[in-house]
């Protein structure tokens, strides 16, 4: 077995724990990312605002993927939600 396979086997059980923590603390994580982005943007005197915004967005997207919020990751892409039933009146 290769090094990568050994690492995957050892980290497999922790994936669920990390996902659960990401789901429970989503608000705090997003707030922390926004706060860090603001501090860095101010320290660089807004010179890299676009890059900071892009990086923050990617970090939030990665966090959402860890929390399994954007669909089935086993096939490499999001799934479409099933259609909702028609409203009854």
C-alpha atoms as a PDB file:
ATOM      1  CA  UNK A   1       0.000   0.000   0.000  1.00  0.00           C
ATOM      2  CA  UNK A   2       1.272   3.471  -0.808  1.00  0.00           C
ATOM      3  CA  UNK A   3       1.703   6.363   1.512  1.00  0.00           C
ATOM      4  CA  UNK A   4      -1.390   8.139   0.225  1.00  0.00           C
ATOM      5  CA  UNK A   5      -3.550   5.055   0.721  1.00  0.00           C
ATOM      6  CA  UNK A   6      -2.268   4.660   4.291  1.00  0.00           C
ATOM      7  CA  UNK A   7      -3.041   8.290   5.001  1.00  0.00           C
ATOM      8  CA  UNK A   8      -6.560   7.994   3.563  1.00  0.00           C
ATOM      9  CA  UNK A   9      -7.219   4.879   5.638  1.00  0.00           C
ATOM     10  CA  UNK A  10      -6.129   6.581   8.851  1.00  0.00           C
ATOM     11  CA  UNK A  11      -8.027   9.813   8.203  1.00  0.00           C
ATOM     12  CA  UNK A  12     -11.238   8.152   6.994  1.00  0.00           C
ATOM     13  CA  UNK A  13     -12.941   7.916  10.415  1.00  0.00           C
ATOM     14  CA  UNK A  14     -12.298  11.582  11.189  1.00  0.00           C
ATOM     15  CA  UNK A  15     -14.109  12.790   8.048  1.00  0.00           C
ATOM     16  CA  UNK A  16     -17.513  12.467   9.697  1.00  0.00           C
ATOM     17  CA  UNK A  17     -16.373  14.325  12.801  1.00  0.00           C
ATOM     18  CA  UNK A  18     -14.943  17.193  10.765  1.00  0.00           C
ATOM     19  CA  UNK A  19     -18.117  17.382   8.685  1.00  0.00           C
ATOM     20  CA  UNK A  20     -20.270  17.478  11.811  1.00  0.00           C
ATOM     21  CA  UNK A  21     -18.154  20.232  13.359  1.00  0.00           C
ATOM     22  CA  UNK A  22     -18.277  22.254  10.129  1.00  0.00           C
ATOM     23  CA  UNK A  23     -22.071  21.986  10.080  1.00  0.00           C
ATOM     24  CA  UNK A  24     -22.473  22.953  13.735  1.00  0.00           C
ATOM     25  CA  UNK A  25     -20.081  25.900  13.624  1.00  0.00           C
ATOM     26  CA  UNK A  26     -20.792  27.210  10.135  1.00  0.00           C
ATOM     27  CA  UNK A  27     -21.675  30.707  11.327  1.00  0.00           C
ATOM     28  CA  UNK A  28     -18.545  31.054  13.423  1.00  0.00           C
ATOM     29  CA  UNK A  29     -16.322  29.802  10.607  1.00  0.00           C
ATOM     30  CA  UNK A  30     -17.828  32.204   8.075  1.00  0.00           C
ATOM     31  CA  UNK A  31     -17.529  35.069  10.570  1.00  0.00           C
ATOM     32  CA  UNK A  32     -13.875  34.209  11.201  1.00  0.00           C
ATOM     33  CA  UNK A  33     -13.112  34.096   7.486  1.00  0.00           C
ATOM     34  CA  UNK A  34     -14.794  37.471   6.958  1.00  0.00           C
ATOM     35  CA  UNK A  35     -12.955  38.987   9.916  1.00  0.00           C
ATOM     36  CA  UNK A  36      -9.567  37.676   8.735  1.00  0.00           C
ATOM     37  CA  UNK A  37     -10.244  38.956   5.215  1.00  0.00           C
ATOM     38  CA  UNK A  38     -11.114  42.390   6.562  1.00  0.00           C
ATOM     39  CA  UNK A  39      -7.927  42.588   8.644  1.00  0.00           C
ATOM     40  CA  UNK A  40      -5.727  41.500   5.735  1.00  0.00           C
ATOM     41  CA  UNK A  41      -7.487  43.915   3.383  1.00  0.00           C
ATOM     42  CA  UNK A  42      -6.885  46.790   5.786  1.00  0.00           C
ATOM     43  CA  UNK A  43      -3.234  45.822   6.358  1.00  0.00           C
ATOM     44  CA  UNK A  44      -2.593  45.774   2.602  1.00  0.00           C
ATOM     45  CA  UNK A  45      -4.386  49.132   2.256  1.00  0.00           C
ATOM     46  CA  UNK A  46      -7.039  47.569  -0.023  1.00  0.00           C
ATOM     47  CA  UNK A  47      -4.436  46.869  -2.705  1.00  0.00           C
ATOM     48  CA  UNK A  48      -5.453  43.214  -3.033  1.00  0.00           C
ATOM     49  CA  UNK A  49      -9.179  43.479  -2.278  1.00  0.00           C
ATOM     50  CA  UNK A  50     -10.218  41.433  -5.304  1.00  0.00           C
ATOM     51  CA  UNK A  51      -7.822  38.616  -4.550  1.00  0.00           C
ATOM     52  CA  UNK A  52      -8.809  38.600  -0.887  1.00  0.00           C
ATOM     53  CA  UNK A  53     -12.500  38.413  -1.802  1.00  0.00           C
ATOM     54  CA  UNK A  54     -11.801  35.560  -4.228  1.00  0.00           C
ATOM     55  CA  UNK A  55      -9.800  33.652  -1.636  1.00  0.00           C
ATOM     56  CA  UNK A  56     -12.463  34.146   1.010  1.00  0.00           C
ATOM     57  CA  UNK A  57     -15.138  32.883  -1.357  1.00  0.00           C
ATOM     58  CA  UNK A  58     -13.087  29.798  -2.190  1.00  0.00           C
ATOM     59  CA  UNK A  59     -12.455  29.109   1.494  1.00  0.00           C
ATOM     60  CA  UNK A  60     -16.183  29.346   2.230  1.00  0.00           C
ATOM     61  CA  UNK A  61     -16.939  27.032  -0.693  1.00  0.00           C
ATOM     62  CA  UNK A  62     -14.430  24.494   0.581  1.00  0.00           C
ATOM     63  CA  UNK A  63     -15.952  24.682   4.045  1.00  0.00           C
ATOM     64  CA  UNK A  64     -19.399  24.071   2.579  1.00  0.00           C
ATOM     65  CA  UNK A  65     -18.080  21.032   0.691  1.00  0.00           C
ATOM     66  CA  UNK A  66     -16.596  19.656   3.910  1.00  0.00           C
ATOM     67  CA  UNK A  67     -19.969  20.107   5.566  1.00  0.00           C
ATOM     68  CA  UNK A  68     -21.617  18.231   2.629  1.00  0.00           C
ATOM     69  CA  UNK A  69     -23.918  21.120   1.889  1.00  0.00           C
ATOM     70  CA  UNK A  70     -23.597  21.270  -1.884  1.00  0.00           C
ATOM     71  CA  UNK A  71     -24.619  17.774  -2.858  1.00  0.00           C
ATOM     72  CA  UNK A  72     -23.090  14.374  -3.469  1.00  0.00           C
ATOM     73  CA  UNK A  73     -19.303  14.587  -3.544  1.00  0.00           C
ATOM     74  CA  UNK A  74     -18.764  10.894  -4.314  1.00  0.00           C
ATOM     75  CA  UNK A  75     -19.271  11.491  -8.037  1.00  0.00           C
ATOM     76  CA  UNK A  76     -17.334  14.733  -8.082  1.00  0.00           C
ATOM     77  CA  UNK A  77     -20.177  17.185  -8.490  1.00  0.00           C
ATOM     78  CA  UNK A  78     -23.336  18.543  -6.951  1.00  0.00           C
ATOM     79  CA  UNK A  79     -26.631  16.823  -7.417  1.00  0.00           C
ATOM     80  CA  UNK A  80     -29.840  18.515  -8.396  1.00  0.00           C
ATOM     81  CA  UNK A  81     -32.551  18.499  -5.766  1.00  0.00           C
ATOM     82  CA  UNK A  82     -35.719  16.595  -6.570  1.00  0.00           C
ATOM     83  CA  UNK A  83     -38.611  18.615  -7.907  1.00  0.00           C
ATOM     84  CA  UNK A  84     -41.108  19.889  -5.405  1.00  0.00           C
ATOM     85  CA  UNK A  85     -44.692  18.679  -5.591  1.00  0.00           C
ATOM     86  CA  UNK A  86     -47.217  21.049  -7.116  1.00  0.00           C
ATOM     87  CA  UNK A  87     -49.009  23.293  -4.622  1.00  0.00           C
ATOM     88  CA  UNK A  88     -52.461  22.212  -3.576  1.00  0.00           C
ATOM     89  CA  UNK A  89     -55.204  24.761  -3.167  1.00  0.00           C
END
